[in-house]
Amino acid sequence: FEIDSDRYSMIGDFQFAKGDATVWGITLGATYWAIPGTLNLVGRYQYAGTDDPGALVAAPGNSGDLLYDSSPFFVGDKYHSLYLGANLHLYKDSFVLQNGLEYSLMKGDSGSGFNTEAFTWLTGAKISF
């Protein structure tokens, strides 16, 4: 679903995948124009779950790029992620500076019985023309 107003917007999505393992998840996101057309505050929550131990695999931060870092992957059956940030629109939607903090938690309740937490600071620029 998607809801828009002058200063607020909200999105929601449900995903279901069936392959080697059955996995489901949701995404909820919201934005608020603190300064209309210039400063946009954003938030997002994501969840993924499965009944199959070890079906979810993640590598937070730079370790997700195998060419950059060979850190181990995190394995579990429940994943939670919360992102809070701000987007500074310097020229409409064509030049945007993005900044935010993401907290993620991978839980291994079905078999391995461990939890892995990570904080990731994200900074970037989006340029389109």
Protein backbone atom coordinates (compact mmCIF):
# COMPACT_ATOMS: atom_id res chain seq x y z
CA PHE A 1 0.00 0.00 0.00
CA GLU A 2 1.00 3.62 -0.43
CA ILE A 3 -0.48 6.71 1.22
CA ASP A 4 0.55 10.27 0.31
CA SER A 5 -0.37 13.69 1.64
CA ASP A 6 1.32 17.08 1.40
CA ARG A 7 4.01 16.43 4.03
CA TYR A 8 3.58 12.77 4.98
CA SER A 9 3.79 9.51 3.09
CA MET A 10 3.71 5.87 4.10
CA ILE A 11 4.37 2.60 2.27
CA GLY A 12 3.85 -1.02 3.20
CA ASP A 13 4.71 -4.26 1.48
CA PHE A 14 4.33 -7.98 2.21
CA GLN A 15 6.64 -10.51 0.55
CA PHE A 16 6.38 -14.28 0.37
CA ALA A 17 9.01 -16.52 -1.23
CA LYS A 18 9.00 -20.25 -1.71
CA GLY A 19 12.17 -21.89 -2.99
CA ASP A 20 14.52 -24.13 -1.04
CA ALA A 21 12.95 -22.54 2.06
CA THR A 22 9.71 -20.67 2.70
CA VAL A 23 10.41 -17.07 3.73
CA TRP A 24 8.01 -14.19 4.38
CA GLY A 25 8.52 -10.57 5.32
CA ILE A 26 7.13 -7.06 5.60
CA THR A 27 8.42 -3.58 4.91
CA LEU A 28 6.90 -0.44 6.42
CA GLY A 29 8.24 3.01 5.61
CA ALA A 30 7.29 6.59 6.38
CA THR A 31 8.53 10.02 5.34
CA TYR A 32 7.91 13.54 6.59
CA TRP A 33 8.90 16.78 4.84
CA ALA A 34 10.41 18.83 7.70
CA ILE A 35 11.20 21.56 5.15
CA PRO A 36 8.92 20.96 2.14
CA GLY A 37 10.91 20.22 -1.01
CA THR A 38 14.25 20.38 0.84
CA LEU A 39 14.57 18.19 3.97
CA ASN A 40 12.82 14.84 4.09
CA LEU A 41 12.96 12.69 7.26
CA VAL A 42 12.64 8.96 6.57
CA GLY A 43 12.07 5.79 8.57
CA ARG A 44 11.79 2.13 7.60
CA TYR A 45 11.15 -1.17 9.40
CA GLN A 46 11.80 -4.54 7.76
CA TYR A 47 11.11 -8.05 9.00
CA ALA A 48 11.84 -11.44 7.46
CA GLY A 49 11.02 -14.80 9.00
CA THR A 50 11.09 -18.50 8.22
CA ASP A 51 10.52 -21.82 9.98
CA ASP A 52 13.70 -23.25 8.44
CA PRO A 53 16.83 -22.83 10.65
CA GLY A 54 19.59 -21.01 8.81
CA ALA A 55 17.46 -20.03 5.82
CA LEU A 56 18.19 -16.29 6.23
CA VAL A 57 21.72 -15.11 5.48
CA ALA A 58 22.97 -11.53 5.89
CA ALA A 59 26.20 -9.60 6.05
CA PRO A 60 25.67 -6.12 7.56
CA GLY A 61 27.77 -3.18 6.46
CA ASN A 62 30.65 -3.50 4.02
CA SER A 63 31.07 -7.24 4.59
CA GLY A 64 28.12 -7.74 2.22
CA ASP A 65 30.58 -7.01 -0.61
CA LEU A 66 32.69 -10.14 -0.96
CA LEU A 67 35.34 -8.23 -2.93
CA TYR A 68 35.77 -5.74 -0.07
CA ASP A 69 35.71 -7.91 3.05
CA SER A 70 35.68 -11.63 3.76
CA SER A 71 33.86 -11.35 7.11
CA PRO A 72 31.50 -14.24 7.88
CA PHE A 73 27.83 -14.11 7.04
CA PHE A 74 25.20 -14.11 9.79
CA VAL A 75 22.67 -16.91 9.64
CA GLY A 76 19.29 -17.15 11.35
CA ASP A 77 15.54 -17.52 10.99
CA LYS A 78 14.26 -14.04 11.96
CA TYR A 79 15.55 -10.66 10.76
CA HIS A 80 14.59 -7.18 12.00
CA SER A 81 15.89 -3.89 10.63
CA LEU A 82 15.09 -0.30 11.63
CA TYR A 83 16.40 2.68 9.62
CA LEU A 84 16.10 6.38 10.52
CA GLY A 85 17.57 9.08 8.31
CA ALA A 86 17.28 12.37 6.48
CA ASN A 87 17.45 13.29 2.80
CA LEU A 88 18.58 16.78 1.81
CA HIS A 89 17.20 17.65 -1.65
CA LEU A 90 19.66 20.20 -3.05
CA TYR A 91 18.08 20.27 -6.52
CA LYS A 92 14.57 18.75 -6.60
CA ASP A 93 14.85 14.94 -6.75
CA SER A 94 17.89 15.12 -9.06
CA PHE A 95 20.58 15.83 -6.44
CA VAL A 96 19.95 14.38 -2.98
CA LEU A 97 22.31 13.87 -0.04
CA GLN A 98 21.21 10.89 2.09
CA ASN A 99 22.26 10.13 5.66
CA GLY A 100 20.98 7.67 8.24
CA LEU A 101 21.51 4.97 10.84
CA GLU A 102 20.30 1.38 10.55
CA TYR A 103 19.99 -1.15 13.37
CA SER A 104 19.63 -4.79 12.37
CA LEU A 105 19.08 -7.95 14.40
CA MET A 106 19.39 -11.52 13.14
CA LYS A 107 17.92 -14.14 15.49
CA GLY A 108 18.63 -17.86 15.34
CA ASP A 109 15.71 -19.19 17.40
CA SER A 110 14.99 -22.35 15.39
CA GLY A 111 18.25 -24.18 15.82
CA SER A 112 21.45 -22.26 16.38
CA GLY A 113 20.10 -20.16 19.27
CA PHE A 114 22.21 -17.04 18.74
CA ASN A 115 21.46 -13.37 18.07
CA THR A 116 23.60 -11.00 16.02
CA GLU A 117 23.14 -7.20 16.18
CA ALA A 118 24.67 -4.50 14.00
CA PHE A 119 24.55 -0.73 13.59
CA THR A 120 25.35 0.69 10.15
CA TRP A 121 25.82 4.39 9.35
CA LEU A 122 24.85 5.13 5.75
CA THR A 123 25.85 8.26 3.84
CA GLY A 124 25.46 8.82 0.12
CA ALA A 125 24.51 11.07 -2.75
CA LYS A 126 21.93 10.41 -5.44
CA ILE A 127 22.42 12.24 -8.71
CA SER A 128 20.06 11.77 -11.64
CA PHE A 129 19.53 13.66 -14.87
